[in-house]
Amino acid sequence: MPGAALAPHGEGVAGDRAIQRSLEAAWPADLPTDDERELLIVGRALLRADATGAGRATWPGVFPRSGVVAPAFATARFRIQAAIARRDGGPNRAVVHLVWAGMDRGGTFTDLRITDRFFTRAIKKGAPTWIPQPGT
């Protein structure tokens, strides 16, 4: 997208659309629509669980129960600004690129944070599905 610019820091929800368009322009889609949709749903949920603590128990392989970690961000002060899912080196590997904003426990708000979540495709109960990788 020639001439496109990211929204300035602090633009708020109004700038999220520009961020989404920028991601899509930088990394053209390369996954089937159903795969991309599944990866985005799970990728967003994983990021939310990681940042806010809500839903970590859903993925024990990603968030082991070894000690309780206080969430760094309050659910009400967290939002995903943009997200895309793309292949990561092969047809059975993918990455979800997420751009997000949040206010930490100390009251510092930061937007345009970047997180990547990695996945591998596996067959579960006869159907292919995307499995999140721990430590990413």
N, C-alpha and C. Protein backbone atom coordinates (compact mmCIF):
# COMPACT_ATOMS: atom_id res chain seq x y z
N MET A 1 0.84 -1.15 0.00
CA MET A 1 0.00 0.00 0.00
C MET A 1 0.90 1.23 0.00
N PRO A 2 1.24 1.76 -1.13
CA PRO A 2 2.14 2.89 -1.22
C PRO A 2 1.58 4.10 -0.48
N GLY A 3 2.44 4.77 0.25
CA GLY A 3 2.05 5.98 0.95
C GLY A 3 1.28 5.74 2.24
N ALA A 4 1.00 4.46 2.57
CA ALA A 4 0.26 4.17 3.80
C ALA A 4 1.17 4.40 5.00
N ALA A 5 0.57 4.85 6.06
CA ALA A 5 1.33 5.09 7.28
C ALA A 5 0.59 4.49 8.45
N LEU A 6 1.35 4.09 9.44
CA LEU A 6 0.74 3.60 10.67
C LEU A 6 0.14 4.78 11.42
N ALA A 7 -0.86 4.48 12.19
CA ALA A 7 -1.43 5.50 13.06
C ALA A 7 -0.39 5.88 14.11
N PRO A 8 -0.40 7.11 14.54
CA PRO A 8 0.56 7.50 15.57
C PRO A 8 0.27 6.82 16.89
N HIS A 9 1.31 6.66 17.73
CA HIS A 9 1.11 6.10 19.06
C HIS A 9 0.02 6.88 19.77
N GLY A 10 -0.82 6.18 20.51
CA GLY A 10 -1.85 6.84 21.28
C GLY A 10 -3.09 7.19 20.51
N GLU A 11 -3.18 6.80 19.27
CA GLU A 11 -4.34 7.11 18.43
C GLU A 11 -5.60 6.42 18.93
N GLY A 12 -5.42 5.32 19.63
CA GLY A 12 -6.57 4.59 20.17
C GLY A 12 -7.21 3.71 19.11
N VAL A 13 -8.43 3.32 19.39
CA VAL A 13 -9.16 2.40 18.51
C VAL A 13 -9.25 2.95 17.08
N ALA A 14 -9.28 4.25 16.94
CA ALA A 14 -9.39 4.86 15.61
C ALA A 14 -8.20 4.50 14.71
N GLY A 15 -7.06 4.20 15.29
CA GLY A 15 -5.88 3.88 14.49
C GLY A 15 -5.72 2.41 14.18
N ASP A 16 -6.54 1.55 14.78
CA ASP A 16 -6.38 0.11 14.61
C ASP A 16 -6.57 -0.34 13.17
N ARG A 17 -7.48 0.27 12.46
CA ARG A 17 -7.74 -0.13 11.06
C ARG A 17 -6.50 0.10 10.18
N ALA A 18 -5.80 1.22 10.41
CA ALA A 18 -4.58 1.50 9.64
C ALA A 18 -3.50 0.47 9.95
N ILE A 19 -3.42 0.04 11.19
CA ILE A 19 -2.44 -0.97 11.57
C ILE A 19 -2.76 -2.29 10.89
N GLN A 20 -4.05 -2.67 10.88
CA GLN A 20 -4.47 -3.91 10.22
C GLN A 20 -4.13 -3.86 8.73
N ARG A 21 -4.44 -2.77 8.07
CA ARG A 21 -4.14 -2.64 6.63
C ARG A 21 -2.64 -2.73 6.38
N SER A 22 -1.85 -2.14 7.25
CA SER A 22 -0.40 -2.17 7.10
C SER A 22 0.13 -3.60 7.21
N LEU A 23 -0.36 -4.36 8.18
CA LEU A 23 0.05 -5.76 8.32
C LEU A 23 -0.31 -6.56 7.07
N GLU A 24 -1.53 -6.39 6.61
CA GLU A 24 -1.99 -7.14 5.43
C GLU A 24 -1.19 -6.79 4.19
N ALA A 25 -0.81 -5.54 4.06
CA ALA A 25 0.00 -5.12 2.90
C ALA A 25 1.42 -5.67 2.99
N ALA A 26 1.96 -5.72 4.19
CA ALA A 26 3.33 -6.18 4.38
C ALA A 26 3.48 -7.68 4.17
N TRP A 27 2.45 -8.46 4.55
CA TRP A 27 2.49 -9.92 4.43
C TRP A 27 1.23 -10.40 3.71
N PRO A 28 1.28 -10.55 2.40
CA PRO A 28 0.10 -11.03 1.66
C PRO A 28 -0.37 -12.40 2.17
N ALA A 29 -1.66 -12.60 2.15
CA ALA A 29 -2.27 -13.85 2.63
C ALA A 29 -1.70 -15.05 1.88
N ASP A 30 -1.42 -16.13 2.61
CA ASP A 30 -0.88 -17.34 1.98
C ASP A 30 -1.45 -18.62 2.58
N LEU A 31 -2.53 -18.49 3.34
CA LEU A 31 -3.18 -19.64 3.96
C LEU A 31 -4.62 -19.74 3.45
N PRO A 32 -5.17 -20.95 3.42
CA PRO A 32 -6.60 -21.06 3.12
C PRO A 32 -7.41 -20.27 4.16
N THR A 33 -8.51 -19.70 3.74
CA THR A 33 -9.34 -18.85 4.59
C THR A 33 -9.72 -19.54 5.90
N ASP A 34 -10.12 -20.81 5.85
CA ASP A 34 -10.51 -21.52 7.07
C ASP A 34 -9.34 -21.65 8.05
N ASP A 35 -8.15 -21.93 7.53
CA ASP A 35 -6.96 -22.03 8.39
C ASP A 35 -6.65 -20.67 9.02
N GLU A 36 -6.69 -19.64 8.20
CA GLU A 36 -6.40 -18.30 8.72
C GLU A 36 -7.40 -17.91 9.81
N ARG A 37 -8.65 -18.19 9.59
CA ARG A 37 -9.69 -17.87 10.57
C ARG A 37 -9.43 -18.61 11.89
N GLU A 38 -9.16 -19.91 11.81
CA GLU A 38 -8.89 -20.71 13.01
C GLU A 38 -7.67 -20.18 13.76
N LEU A 39 -6.60 -19.91 13.02
CA LEU A 39 -5.37 -19.41 13.64
C LEU A 39 -5.58 -18.06 14.32
N LEU A 40 -6.34 -17.19 13.69
CA LEU A 40 -6.59 -15.87 14.30
C LEU A 40 -7.40 -15.98 15.58
N ILE A 41 -8.40 -16.84 15.58
CA ILE A 41 -9.21 -17.03 16.79
C ILE A 41 -8.33 -17.53 17.93
N VAL A 42 -7.56 -18.57 17.66
CA VAL A 42 -6.73 -19.16 18.71
C VAL A 42 -5.58 -18.21 19.08
N GLY A 43 -4.96 -17.59 18.10
CA GLY A 43 -3.86 -16.66 18.37
C GLY A 43 -4.30 -15.51 19.26
N ARG A 44 -5.46 -14.93 18.97
CA ARG A 44 -5.98 -13.84 19.80
C ARG A 44 -6.27 -14.32 21.23
N ALA A 45 -6.87 -15.50 21.34
CA ALA A 45 -7.20 -16.05 22.66
C ALA A 45 -5.92 -16.34 23.46
N LEU A 46 -4.90 -16.85 22.80
CA LEU A 46 -3.63 -17.12 23.47
C LEU A 46 -2.98 -15.83 23.98
N LEU A 47 -2.98 -14.81 23.16
CA LEU A 47 -2.39 -13.54 23.59
C LEU A 47 -3.17 -12.97 24.77
N ARG A 48 -4.48 -13.01 24.68
CA ARG A 48 -5.32 -12.50 25.78
C ARG A 48 -5.02 -13.29 27.07
N ALA A 49 -4.93 -14.60 26.97
CA ALA A 49 -4.63 -15.43 28.14
C ALA A 49 -3.25 -15.11 28.70
N ASP A 50 -2.29 -14.93 27.84
CA ASP A 50 -0.93 -14.64 28.27
C ASP A 50 -0.87 -13.28 28.98
N ALA A 51 -1.48 -12.26 28.39
CA ALA A 51 -1.38 -10.91 28.93
C ALA A 51 -2.25 -10.69 30.16
N THR A 52 -3.46 -11.28 30.17
CA THR A 52 -4.41 -10.99 31.24
C THR A 52 -4.58 -12.13 32.24
N GLY A 53 -4.12 -13.32 31.87
CA GLY A 53 -4.29 -14.49 32.73
C GLY A 53 -5.60 -15.22 32.49
N ALA A 54 -6.56 -14.58 31.85
CA ALA A 54 -7.88 -15.17 31.62
C ALA A 54 -7.80 -16.27 30.55
N GLY A 55 -8.10 -17.51 30.93
CA GLY A 55 -8.14 -18.61 29.98
C GLY A 55 -6.86 -19.41 29.85
N ARG A 56 -5.87 -19.17 30.68
CA ARG A 56 -4.61 -19.92 30.57
C ARG A 56 -4.82 -21.42 30.74
N ALA A 57 -5.76 -21.82 31.57
CA ALA A 57 -6.00 -23.25 31.83
C ALA A 57 -6.43 -24.00 30.58
N THR A 58 -6.93 -23.30 29.58
CA THR A 58 -7.35 -23.92 28.33
C THR A 58 -6.18 -24.56 27.60
N TRP A 59 -4.97 -24.04 27.80
CA TRP A 59 -3.78 -24.52 27.09
C TRP A 59 -2.69 -24.90 28.09
N PRO A 60 -2.82 -26.04 28.76
CA PRO A 60 -1.81 -26.42 29.75
C PRO A 60 -0.43 -26.66 29.13
N GLY A 61 -0.38 -27.03 27.86
CA GLY A 61 0.90 -27.23 27.20
C GLY A 61 1.62 -25.93 26.89
N VAL A 62 0.88 -24.85 26.82
CA VAL A 62 1.46 -23.54 26.53
C VAL A 62 1.73 -22.78 27.82
N PHE A 63 0.81 -22.90 28.77
CA PHE A 63 0.93 -22.20 30.06
C PHE A 63 0.99 -23.24 31.17
N PRO A 64 2.17 -23.82 31.43
CA PRO A 64 2.27 -24.84 32.48
C PRO A 64 1.89 -24.25 33.84
N ARG A 65 1.40 -25.11 34.70
CA ARG A 65 0.93 -24.67 36.02
C ARG A 65 2.06 -24.56 37.03
N SER A 66 3.28 -24.48 36.58
CA SER A 66 4.41 -24.39 37.51
C SER A 66 4.48 -22.97 38.09
N GLY A 67 3.78 -22.78 39.17
CA GLY A 67 3.76 -21.47 39.82
C GLY A 67 2.68 -20.58 39.21
N VAL A 68 2.16 -19.72 40.02
CA VAL A 68 1.13 -18.80 39.56
C VAL A 68 1.80 -17.50 39.15
N VAL A 69 1.50 -17.06 37.95
CA VAL A 69 2.05 -15.81 37.45
C VAL A 69 0.93 -14.79 37.41
N ALA A 70 1.11 -13.68 38.09
CA ALA A 70 0.10 -12.64 38.08
C ALA A 70 0.03 -12.03 36.68
N PRO A 71 -1.17 -11.79 36.17
CA PRO A 71 -1.27 -11.20 34.85
C PRO A 71 -0.70 -9.78 34.84
N ALA A 72 -0.05 -9.45 33.76
CA ALA A 72 0.57 -8.13 33.65
C ALA A 72 -0.43 -7.05 33.26
N PHE A 73 -1.53 -7.45 32.65
CA PHE A 73 -2.49 -6.47 32.13
C PHE A 73 -3.90 -6.81 32.59
N ALA A 74 -4.67 -5.80 32.91
CA ALA A 74 -6.07 -6.00 33.25
C ALA A 74 -6.86 -6.23 31.97
N THR A 75 -7.83 -7.13 32.02
CA THR A 75 -8.63 -7.45 30.84
C THR A 75 -9.27 -6.20 30.25
N ALA A 76 -9.75 -5.31 31.09
CA ALA A 76 -10.43 -4.11 30.61
C ALA A 76 -9.48 -3.12 29.94
N ARG A 77 -8.20 -3.27 30.16
CA ARG A 77 -7.22 -2.32 29.62
C ARG A 77 -6.30 -2.99 28.61
N PHE A 78 -6.85 -3.93 27.88
CA PHE A 78 -6.09 -4.70 26.90
C PHE A 78 -6.92 -4.79 25.63
N ARG A 79 -6.30 -4.57 24.49
CA ARG A 79 -7.00 -4.80 23.22
C ARG A 79 -6.01 -5.19 22.14
N ILE A 80 -6.49 -6.01 21.23
CA ILE A 80 -5.69 -6.40 20.07
C ILE A 80 -6.01 -5.40 18.98
N GLN A 81 -4.97 -4.74 18.49
CA GLN A 81 -5.14 -3.71 17.49
C GLN A 81 -5.22 -4.28 16.07
N ALA A 82 -4.50 -5.36 15.83
CA ALA A 82 -4.48 -5.95 14.49
C ALA A 82 -3.89 -7.35 14.59
N ALA A 83 -4.23 -8.21 13.63
CA ALA A 83 -3.69 -9.57 13.62
C ALA A 83 -3.77 -10.16 12.22
N ILE A 84 -2.75 -10.94 11.88
CA ILE A 84 -2.76 -11.72 10.64
C ILE A 84 -2.16 -13.09 10.94
N ALA A 85 -2.53 -14.08 10.15
CA ALA A 85 -1.96 -15.42 10.24
C ALA A 85 -1.32 -15.75 8.89
N ARG A 86 -0.10 -16.27 8.93
CA ARG A 86 0.63 -16.59 7.70
C ARG A 86 1.41 -17.89 7.89
N ARG A 87 1.82 -18.49 6.77
CA ARG A 87 2.68 -19.67 6.84
C ARG A 87 4.02 -19.29 7.44
N ASP A 88 4.65 -20.29 8.05
CA ASP A 88 5.94 -20.06 8.67
C ASP A 88 6.91 -21.14 8.23
N GLY A 89 7.31 -21.09 6.97
CA GLY A 89 8.32 -22.01 6.47
C GLY A 89 7.82 -23.32 5.92
N GLY A 90 6.54 -23.55 5.89
CA GLY A 90 6.02 -24.79 5.34
C GLY A 90 4.51 -24.87 5.52
N PRO A 91 3.88 -25.85 4.86
CA PRO A 91 2.43 -25.94 4.90
C PRO A 91 1.86 -26.35 6.25
N ASN A 92 2.68 -26.92 7.12
CA ASN A 92 2.22 -27.36 8.43
C ASN A 92 2.73 -26.51 9.58
N ARG A 93 3.22 -25.34 9.25
CA ARG A 93 3.69 -24.39 10.27
C ARG A 93 3.11 -23.02 9.96
N ALA A 94 2.69 -22.31 11.00
CA ALA A 94 2.11 -20.99 10.81
C ALA A 94 2.50 -20.08 11.97
N VAL A 95 2.36 -18.79 11.74
CA VAL A 95 2.60 -17.78 12.77
C VAL A 95 1.44 -16.79 12.73
N VAL A 96 1.02 -16.38 13.90
CA VAL A 96 0.02 -15.32 14.00
C VAL A 96 0.76 -14.09 14.53
N HIS A 97 0.77 -13.03 13.72
CA HIS A 97 1.38 -11.76 14.10
C HIS A 97 0.29 -10.91 14.74
N LEU A 98 0.52 -10.46 15.98
CA LEU A 98 -0.47 -9.68 16.71
C LEU A 98 0.14 -8.35 17.13
N VAL A 99 -0.63 -7.29 16.95
CA VAL A 99 -0.25 -5.97 17.43
C VAL A 99 -1.30 -5.60 18.47
N TRP A 100 -0.85 -5.16 19.64
CA TRP A 100 -1.81 -4.94 20.72
C TRP A 100 -1.42 -3.77 21.61
N ALA A 101 -2.37 -3.40 22.47
CA ALA A 101 -2.18 -2.28 23.39
C ALA A 101 -2.68 -2.69 24.76
N GLY A 102 -2.09 -2.10 25.78
CA GLY A 102 -2.56 -2.39 27.12
C GLY A 102 -1.93 -1.50 28.16
N MET A 103 -2.61 -1.44 29.31
CA MET A 103 -2.08 -0.71 30.45
C MET A 103 -1.64 -1.74 31.49
N ASP A 104 -0.38 -1.66 31.88
CA ASP A 104 0.14 -2.63 32.84
C ASP A 104 -0.30 -2.28 34.26
N ARG A 105 0.07 -3.15 35.19
CA ARG A 105 -0.34 -2.94 36.59
C ARG A 105 0.19 -1.65 37.17
N GLY A 106 1.28 -1.14 36.63
CA GLY A 106 1.85 0.11 37.10
C GLY A 106 1.18 1.34 36.52
N GLY A 107 0.23 1.14 35.60
CA GLY A 107 -0.50 2.26 35.02
C GLY A 107 0.10 2.81 33.74
N THR A 108 1.11 2.13 33.19
CA THR A 108 1.72 2.59 31.95
C THR A 108 1.00 2.00 30.76
N PHE A 109 0.49 2.85 29.88
CA PHE A 109 -0.20 2.40 28.67
C PHE A 109 0.79 2.41 27.52
N THR A 110 0.82 1.32 26.78
CA THR A 110 1.66 1.22 25.59
C THR A 110 0.86 0.57 24.48
N ASP A 111 0.92 1.16 23.29
CA ASP A 111 0.28 0.53 22.14
C ASP A 111 1.35 0.09 21.16
N LEU A 112 0.93 -0.54 20.09
CA LEU A 112 1.83 -1.06 19.05
C LEU A 112 2.81 -2.10 19.59
N ARG A 113 2.41 -2.85 20.60
CA ARG A 113 3.20 -3.98 21.09
C ARG A 113 3.07 -5.10 20.06
N ILE A 114 4.10 -5.89 19.89
CA ILE A 114 4.08 -6.95 18.87
C ILE A 114 4.36 -8.29 19.54
N THR A 115 3.52 -9.27 19.21
CA THR A 115 3.70 -10.64 19.69
C THR A 115 3.48 -11.59 18.52
N ASP A 116 4.30 -12.61 18.41
CA ASP A 116 4.10 -13.67 17.43
C ASP A 116 3.79 -14.96 18.18
N ARG A 117 2.77 -15.68 17.74
CA ARG A 117 2.42 -17.00 18.28
C ARG A 117 2.62 -18.00 17.15
N PHE A 118 3.31 -19.09 17.43
CA PHE A 118 3.64 -20.09 16.42
C PHE A 118 2.79 -21.34 16.60
N PHE A 119 2.47 -22.00 15.47
CA PHE A 119 1.59 -23.16 15.46
C PHE A 119 2.13 -24.22 14.51
N THR A 120 1.79 -25.48 14.80
CA THR A 120 2.01 -26.58 13.86
C THR A 120 0.67 -27.25 13.61
N ARG A 121 0.52 -27.80 12.40
CA ARG A 121 -0.71 -28.50 12.06
C ARG A 121 -0.57 -29.96 12.46
N ALA A 122 -1.62 -30.48 13.07
CA ALA A 122 -1.64 -31.88 13.49
C ALA A 122 -3.02 -32.46 13.17
N ILE A 123 -3.09 -33.77 13.17
CA ILE A 123 -4.37 -34.45 12.97
C ILE A 123 -4.86 -34.90 14.35
N LYS A 124 -6.03 -34.41 14.74
CA LYS A 124 -6.64 -34.80 16.01
C LYS A 124 -8.03 -35.32 15.71
N LYS A 125 -8.29 -36.53 16.17
CA LYS A 125 -9.59 -37.17 15.96
C LYS A 125 -9.98 -37.16 14.48
N GLY A 126 -8.98 -37.39 13.63
CA GLY A 126 -9.22 -37.50 12.19
C GLY A 126 -9.32 -36.19 11.44
N ALA A 127 -9.23 -35.07 12.13
CA ALA A 127 -9.35 -33.77 11.46
C ALA A 127 -8.10 -32.93 11.71
N PRO A 128 -7.66 -32.20 10.69
CA PRO A 128 -6.49 -31.34 10.90
C PRO A 128 -6.84 -30.16 11.80
N THR A 129 -5.90 -29.80 12.65
CA THR A 129 -6.08 -28.64 13.53
C THR A 129 -4.73 -28.00 13.78
N TRP A 130 -4.74 -26.77 14.20
CA TRP A 130 -3.51 -26.04 14.49
C TRP A 130 -3.23 -26.09 15.99
N ILE A 131 -2.01 -26.49 16.35
CA ILE A 131 -1.60 -26.65 17.74
C ILE A 131 -0.63 -25.53 18.10
N PRO A 132 -0.95 -24.74 19.14
CA PRO A 132 -0.01 -23.68 19.55
C PRO A 132 1.26 -24.27 20.14
N GLN A 133 2.36 -23.64 19.87
CA GLN A 133 3.65 -24.09 20.38
C GLN A 133 3.98 -23.37 21.67
N PRO A 134 4.45 -24.10 22.68
CA PRO A 134 4.82 -23.45 23.93
C PRO A 134 6.04 -22.55 23.79
N GLY A 135 6.13 -21.60 24.68
CA GLY A 135 7.32 -20.75 24.72
C GLY A 135 7.42 -19.74 23.62
N THR A 136 6.31 -19.48 22.93
CA THR A 136 6.36 -18.49 21.85
C THR A 136 5.46 -17.35 22.16
